[in-house]
Structures are given as C-alpha cells and as structure tokens.
Amino acid sequence: MDFNSIGYFQFNNLLQSRIPLLLLVLDNVDVKPWFNSMIKMHLENITIFCDQDRVVVSVENKKVPSNFGIVVLDADGTKTPTIVRQLEQLGFTNAYYVKGGFQGLSAERES
C-alpha cells in the first residue's frame, strides 16, 4: 500500500473543504472546470504550475513549513512518486501525489 498517494475522493475533499495546501501541477492539466467558482478561486491561490525539474525550487521559494500539505499532480502519475520522495528527503512530512495523475482522477470521478 502506498501511503503517499491520494485518489479523487481525497483530492475532492481537500478542495471542497478549502484546506490550505500547495498543489503542484506538472503537466498541462486543469481540474478547475470540475469545480464551482469558490473552489476555482481557492485553486488559483494554491496552485503552482512548474516542470518536474523545478518542483523542489518552487516549494522552497514558497517558504512553507515542513509540515504544510503538498499535493503533486501530473498527467498520468508517473513522475509524482519520485517528486514526493524528494520532498520527503528535504523534510516535508505532508507531501502526497495523486495516484494515476489527472487520468486517474478523471477515471475515478467518472465511475
């Protein structure tokens, strides 16, 4: 079992509850159309678009505490487990990736 992954249910709950976190988006994916205007505003405030090589720098530039929630999302879930491990090695204790990436979210959302 992978304890650092979340699915659509957890992802949706985090956003609907407007939990403070950083959402790091790697590929050209957009979940905003799934949500109402209030959640879209929350997403705009918490989302950082970056490429795989700049994730760590992007998080460090935000100067968030090491226990701050971080969720990493890519197109298919292939890049994000490695990124979460890198963040953990830097001391970030609350880092997660979306299992299956945007494709996984879409499939789970439709089922």
N, C-alpha and C. Protein backbone atom coordinates (compact mmCIF):
# COMPACT_ATOMS: atom_id res chain seq x y z
N MET A 1 0.84 -1.18 0.00
CA MET A 1 0.00 0.00 0.00
C MET A 1 0.88 1.25 0.00
N ASP A 2 0.51 2.19 -0.80
CA ASP A 2 1.29 3.43 -0.89
C ASP A 2 0.60 4.52 -0.08
N PHE A 3 1.22 4.91 1.01
CA PHE A 3 0.60 5.86 1.92
C PHE A 3 0.72 7.31 1.46
N ASN A 4 1.48 7.56 0.42
CA ASN A 4 1.66 8.92 -0.05
C ASN A 4 0.80 9.25 -1.26
N SER A 5 -0.15 8.39 -1.60
CA SER A 5 -0.99 8.68 -2.75
C SER A 5 -2.42 8.96 -2.30
N ILE A 6 -3.08 9.80 -3.07
CA ILE A 6 -4.49 10.08 -2.82
C ILE A 6 -5.24 9.89 -4.13
N GLY A 7 -6.51 9.64 -4.03
CA GLY A 7 -7.36 9.49 -5.19
C GLY A 7 -8.33 10.65 -5.30
N TYR A 8 -9.31 10.49 -6.17
CA TYR A 8 -10.26 11.57 -6.42
C TYR A 8 -11.03 11.97 -5.16
N PHE A 9 -11.48 10.99 -4.38
CA PHE A 9 -12.27 11.29 -3.18
C PHE A 9 -11.49 12.20 -2.22
N GLN A 10 -10.24 11.83 -1.94
CA GLN A 10 -9.43 12.64 -1.03
C GLN A 10 -9.11 14.01 -1.64
N PHE A 11 -8.76 14.00 -2.94
CA PHE A 11 -8.45 15.25 -3.63
C PHE A 11 -9.66 16.19 -3.60
N ASN A 12 -10.81 15.67 -3.93
CA ASN A 12 -12.04 16.46 -3.92
C ASN A 12 -12.34 17.01 -2.53
N ASN A 13 -12.18 16.18 -1.50
CA ASN A 13 -12.43 16.64 -0.13
C ASN A 13 -11.48 17.77 0.27
N LEU A 14 -10.22 17.66 -0.09
CA LEU A 14 -9.27 18.73 0.22
C LEU A 14 -9.71 20.05 -0.40
N LEU A 15 -10.13 19.99 -1.66
CA LEU A 15 -10.52 21.22 -2.34
C LEU A 15 -11.87 21.75 -1.87
N GLN A 16 -12.84 20.87 -1.71
CA GLN A 16 -14.17 21.31 -1.27
C GLN A 16 -14.10 21.93 0.13
N SER A 17 -13.21 21.42 0.96
CA SER A 17 -13.05 21.96 2.32
C SER A 17 -12.12 23.17 2.36
N ARG A 18 -11.55 23.49 1.20
CA ARG A 18 -10.60 24.61 1.06
C ARG A 18 -9.47 24.52 2.09
N ILE A 19 -8.90 23.33 2.17
CA ILE A 19 -7.78 23.07 3.07
C ILE A 19 -6.55 23.81 2.52
N PRO A 20 -5.82 24.52 3.38
CA PRO A 20 -4.60 25.17 2.92
C PRO A 20 -3.56 24.11 2.50
N LEU A 21 -3.07 24.23 1.28
CA LEU A 21 -2.06 23.32 0.77
C LEU A 21 -1.46 23.94 -0.47
N LEU A 22 -0.39 23.33 -0.95
CA LEU A 22 0.17 23.68 -2.25
C LEU A 22 -0.20 22.57 -3.22
N LEU A 23 -0.73 22.93 -4.35
CA LEU A 23 -1.00 21.98 -5.42
C LEU A 23 0.02 22.24 -6.51
N LEU A 24 0.94 21.30 -6.68
CA LEU A 24 1.97 21.43 -7.70
C LEU A 24 1.51 20.67 -8.94
N VAL A 25 1.31 21.40 -10.01
CA VAL A 25 0.81 20.81 -11.25
C VAL A 25 1.95 20.73 -12.24
N LEU A 26 2.29 19.52 -12.67
CA LEU A 26 3.38 19.32 -13.61
C LEU A 26 2.89 19.38 -15.03
N ASP A 27 2.18 18.66 -15.57
CA ASP A 27 1.88 18.71 -16.99
C ASP A 27 0.78 19.74 -17.26
N ASN A 28 0.35 19.81 -18.44
CA ASN A 28 -0.69 20.78 -18.80
C ASN A 28 -2.06 20.19 -18.46
N VAL A 29 -2.37 20.12 -17.17
CA VAL A 29 -3.66 19.60 -16.73
C VAL A 29 -4.42 20.70 -16.01
N ASP A 30 -5.74 20.61 -16.05
CA ASP A 30 -6.57 21.63 -15.43
C ASP A 30 -7.81 20.99 -14.82
N VAL A 31 -7.91 21.04 -13.51
CA VAL A 31 -9.07 20.48 -12.82
C VAL A 31 -10.12 21.54 -12.51
N LYS A 32 -9.84 22.80 -12.79
CA LYS A 32 -10.78 23.86 -12.45
C LYS A 32 -12.17 23.69 -13.04
N PRO A 33 -12.32 23.18 -14.28
CA PRO A 33 -13.68 23.04 -14.83
C PRO A 33 -14.58 22.11 -14.01
N TRP A 34 -14.02 21.29 -13.15
CA TRP A 34 -14.81 20.38 -12.33
C TRP A 34 -15.48 21.07 -11.14
N PHE A 35 -15.08 22.28 -10.83
CA PHE A 35 -15.50 22.89 -9.58
C PHE A 35 -16.23 24.22 -9.80
N ASN A 36 -16.97 24.63 -8.75
CA ASN A 36 -17.69 25.89 -8.80
C ASN A 36 -16.72 27.07 -8.61
N SER A 37 -17.24 28.26 -8.70
CA SER A 37 -16.38 29.46 -8.68
C SER A 37 -15.60 29.61 -7.38
N MET A 38 -16.19 29.23 -6.25
CA MET A 38 -15.49 29.36 -4.96
C MET A 38 -14.26 28.45 -4.93
N ILE A 39 -14.42 27.22 -5.37
CA ILE A 39 -13.29 26.29 -5.37
C ILE A 39 -12.27 26.71 -6.42
N LYS A 40 -12.73 27.23 -7.54
CA LYS A 40 -11.79 27.71 -8.57
C LYS A 40 -10.90 28.81 -8.00
N MET A 41 -11.49 29.72 -7.21
CA MET A 41 -10.68 30.78 -6.59
C MET A 41 -9.65 30.18 -5.64
N HIS A 42 -10.07 29.18 -4.86
CA HIS A 42 -9.15 28.50 -3.95
C HIS A 42 -8.01 27.85 -4.75
N LEU A 43 -8.37 27.16 -5.84
CA LEU A 43 -7.36 26.53 -6.69
C LEU A 43 -6.36 27.54 -7.24
N GLU A 44 -6.84 28.68 -7.66
CA GLU A 44 -5.94 29.71 -8.20
C GLU A 44 -4.94 30.18 -7.15
N ASN A 45 -5.35 30.18 -5.90
CA ASN A 45 -4.48 30.65 -4.82
C ASN A 45 -3.46 29.61 -4.37
N ILE A 46 -3.75 28.34 -4.58
CA ILE A 46 -2.86 27.30 -4.05
C ILE A 46 -2.03 26.59 -5.12
N THR A 47 -2.32 26.84 -6.39
CA THR A 47 -1.68 26.08 -7.46
C THR A 47 -0.39 26.73 -7.94
N ILE A 48 0.61 25.88 -8.11
CA ILE A 48 1.87 26.29 -8.73
C ILE A 48 2.06 25.39 -9.94
N PHE A 49 2.17 25.99 -11.11
CA PHE A 49 2.47 25.24 -12.33
C PHE A 49 3.98 25.25 -12.51
N CYS A 50 4.56 24.08 -12.65
CA CYS A 50 6.02 24.01 -12.80
C CYS A 50 6.39 22.73 -13.54
N ASP A 51 7.64 22.70 -14.01
CA ASP A 51 8.09 21.47 -14.65
C ASP A 51 8.76 20.60 -13.59
N GLN A 52 8.99 19.37 -13.93
CA GLN A 52 9.50 18.38 -12.99
C GLN A 52 10.81 18.81 -12.33
N ASP A 53 11.65 19.47 -13.06
CA ASP A 53 12.96 19.87 -12.53
C ASP A 53 12.90 21.06 -11.60
N ARG A 54 11.77 21.76 -11.57
CA ARG A 54 11.67 22.97 -10.75
C ARG A 54 10.76 22.81 -9.54
N VAL A 55 10.27 21.62 -9.29
CA VAL A 55 9.33 21.42 -8.19
C VAL A 55 9.95 21.79 -6.85
N VAL A 56 11.11 21.24 -6.56
CA VAL A 56 11.74 21.48 -5.26
C VAL A 56 12.02 22.97 -5.08
N VAL A 57 12.53 23.62 -6.09
CA VAL A 57 12.81 25.06 -6.01
C VAL A 57 11.52 25.83 -5.80
N SER A 58 10.46 25.45 -6.50
CA SER A 58 9.17 26.13 -6.36
C SER A 58 8.64 26.03 -4.93
N VAL A 59 8.76 24.86 -4.33
CA VAL A 59 8.30 24.67 -2.95
C VAL A 59 9.18 25.47 -1.99
N GLU A 60 10.48 25.40 -2.17
CA GLU A 60 11.39 26.14 -1.30
C GLU A 60 11.16 27.64 -1.40
N ASN A 61 10.85 28.14 -2.61
CA ASN A 61 10.59 29.57 -2.78
C ASN A 61 9.34 30.03 -2.05
N LYS A 62 8.39 29.14 -1.85
CA LYS A 62 7.16 29.48 -1.12
C LYS A 62 7.40 29.59 0.38
N LYS A 63 8.50 29.03 0.84
CA LYS A 63 8.89 29.09 2.26
C LYS A 63 7.78 28.58 3.18
N VAL A 64 7.19 27.45 2.79
CA VAL A 64 6.15 26.85 3.62
C VAL A 64 6.80 25.99 4.70
N PRO A 65 6.13 25.84 5.83
CA PRO A 65 6.67 24.97 6.88
C PRO A 65 6.79 23.53 6.39
N SER A 66 7.65 22.77 7.00
CA SER A 66 7.90 21.40 6.56
C SER A 66 6.69 20.48 6.73
N ASN A 67 5.73 20.88 7.57
CA ASN A 67 4.54 20.06 7.76
C ASN A 67 3.35 20.55 6.93
N PHE A 68 3.56 21.51 6.06
CA PHE A 68 2.48 22.05 5.22
C PHE A 68 2.08 21.01 4.17
N GLY A 69 0.81 20.94 3.87
CA GLY A 69 0.31 19.98 2.89
C GLY A 69 0.74 20.32 1.47
N ILE A 70 1.25 19.33 0.78
CA ILE A 70 1.67 19.48 -0.62
C ILE A 70 1.08 18.31 -1.40
N VAL A 71 0.39 18.62 -2.50
CA VAL A 71 -0.14 17.60 -3.39
C VAL A 71 0.46 17.83 -4.77
N VAL A 72 0.99 16.76 -5.36
CA VAL A 72 1.64 16.86 -6.66
C VAL A 72 0.77 16.12 -7.68
N LEU A 73 0.50 16.78 -8.80
CA LEU A 73 -0.37 16.23 -9.84
C LEU A 73 0.32 16.34 -11.19
N ASP A 74 0.33 15.23 -11.93
CA ASP A 74 0.82 15.25 -13.30
C ASP A 74 -0.24 14.61 -14.19
N ALA A 75 0.07 14.38 -15.44
CA ALA A 75 -0.92 13.85 -16.37
C ALA A 75 -1.28 12.39 -16.08
N ASP A 76 -0.29 11.56 -15.76
CA ASP A 76 -0.57 10.14 -15.64
C ASP A 76 -0.02 9.47 -14.39
N GLY A 77 0.54 10.22 -13.48
CA GLY A 77 1.04 9.65 -12.22
C GLY A 77 2.40 9.01 -12.28
N THR A 78 3.13 9.19 -13.37
CA THR A 78 4.43 8.53 -13.49
C THR A 78 5.57 9.33 -12.85
N LYS A 79 5.46 10.63 -12.81
CA LYS A 79 6.55 11.47 -12.30
C LYS A 79 6.43 11.77 -10.81
N THR A 80 5.22 11.79 -10.32
CA THR A 80 4.97 12.34 -8.99
C THR A 80 5.48 11.52 -7.82
N PRO A 81 5.51 10.17 -7.85
CA PRO A 81 6.06 9.46 -6.69
C PRO A 81 7.51 9.84 -6.39
N THR A 82 8.30 10.00 -7.43
CA THR A 82 9.70 10.39 -7.26
C THR A 82 9.79 11.79 -6.65
N ILE A 83 8.96 12.69 -7.09
CA ILE A 83 8.98 14.05 -6.57
C ILE A 83 8.59 14.08 -5.10
N VAL A 84 7.59 13.30 -4.72
CA VAL A 84 7.19 13.25 -3.31
C VAL A 84 8.33 12.69 -2.47
N ARG A 85 9.03 11.69 -2.96
CA ARG A 85 10.19 11.16 -2.21
C ARG A 85 11.26 12.24 -2.04
N GLN A 86 11.50 13.03 -3.08
CA GLN A 86 12.47 14.13 -2.98
C GLN A 86 12.04 15.14 -1.92
N LEU A 87 10.77 15.47 -1.92
CA LEU A 87 10.27 16.42 -0.92
C LEU A 87 10.40 15.86 0.49
N GLU A 88 10.12 14.57 0.65
CA GLU A 88 10.29 13.94 1.96
C GLU A 88 11.75 13.96 2.41
N GLN A 89 12.67 13.73 1.49
CA GLN A 89 14.09 13.76 1.83
C GLN A 89 14.52 15.16 2.28
N LEU A 90 13.82 16.17 1.81
CA LEU A 90 14.11 17.54 2.23
C LEU A 90 13.41 17.90 3.54
N GLY A 91 12.61 16.97 4.08
CA GLY A 91 11.97 17.20 5.37
C GLY A 91 10.50 17.55 5.30
N PHE A 92 9.90 17.57 4.12
CA PHE A 92 8.47 17.85 4.02
C PHE A 92 7.71 16.58 4.37
N THR A 93 6.94 16.65 5.45
CA THR A 93 6.32 15.46 6.02
C THR A 93 4.88 15.24 5.59
N ASN A 94 4.33 16.14 4.80
CA ASN A 94 2.92 16.05 4.43
C ASN A 94 2.77 16.19 2.92
N ALA A 95 3.58 15.43 2.17
CA ALA A 95 3.58 15.50 0.71
C ALA A 95 2.91 14.27 0.13
N TYR A 96 2.04 14.49 -0.85
CA TYR A 96 1.26 13.41 -1.46
C TYR A 96 1.22 13.61 -2.97
N TYR A 97 0.97 12.53 -3.67
CA TYR A 97 0.76 12.62 -5.11
C TYR A 97 -0.59 12.00 -5.45
N VAL A 98 -1.15 12.42 -6.55
CA VAL A 98 -2.43 11.90 -7.00
C VAL A 98 -2.16 10.61 -7.78
N LYS A 99 -2.68 9.52 -7.27
CA LYS A 99 -2.46 8.21 -7.90
C LYS A 99 -3.08 8.21 -9.29
N GLY A 100 -2.26 7.90 -10.28
CA GLY A 100 -2.73 7.88 -11.66
C GLY A 100 -2.78 9.25 -12.31
N GLY A 101 -2.38 10.28 -11.58
CA GLY A 101 -2.37 11.63 -12.11
C GLY A 101 -3.76 12.11 -12.54
N PHE A 102 -3.77 13.03 -13.48
CA PHE A 102 -5.03 13.58 -13.97
C PHE A 102 -5.89 12.49 -14.60
N GLN A 103 -5.26 11.56 -15.30
CA GLN A 103 -6.01 10.46 -15.90
C GLN A 103 -6.70 9.62 -14.83
N GLY A 104 -6.02 9.36 -13.74
CA GLY A 104 -6.61 8.61 -12.63
C GLY A 104 -7.75 9.36 -11.98
N LEU A 105 -7.57 10.67 -11.79
CA LEU A 105 -8.65 11.48 -11.23
C LEU A 105 -9.88 11.44 -12.13
N SER A 106 -9.66 11.61 -13.41
CA SER A 106 -10.78 11.62 -14.37
C SER A 106 -11.53 10.29 -14.36
N ALA A 107 -10.79 9.20 -14.38
CA ALA A 107 -11.42 7.88 -14.40
C ALA A 107 -12.21 7.63 -13.11
N GLU A 108 -11.62 7.97 -11.97
CA GLU A 108 -12.29 7.76 -10.69
C GLU A 108 -13.50 8.67 -10.55
N ARG A 109 -13.39 9.87 -11.05
CA ARG A 109 -14.50 10.84 -11.00
C ARG A 109 -15.70 10.36 -11.81
N GLU A 110 -15.43 9.71 -12.93
CA GLU A 110 -16.49 9.24 -13.80
C GLU A 110 -17.15 7.96 -13.33
N SER A 111 -16.47 7.23 -12.43
CA SER A 111 -17.03 5.94 -12.00
C SER A 111 -18.00 6.09 -10.84
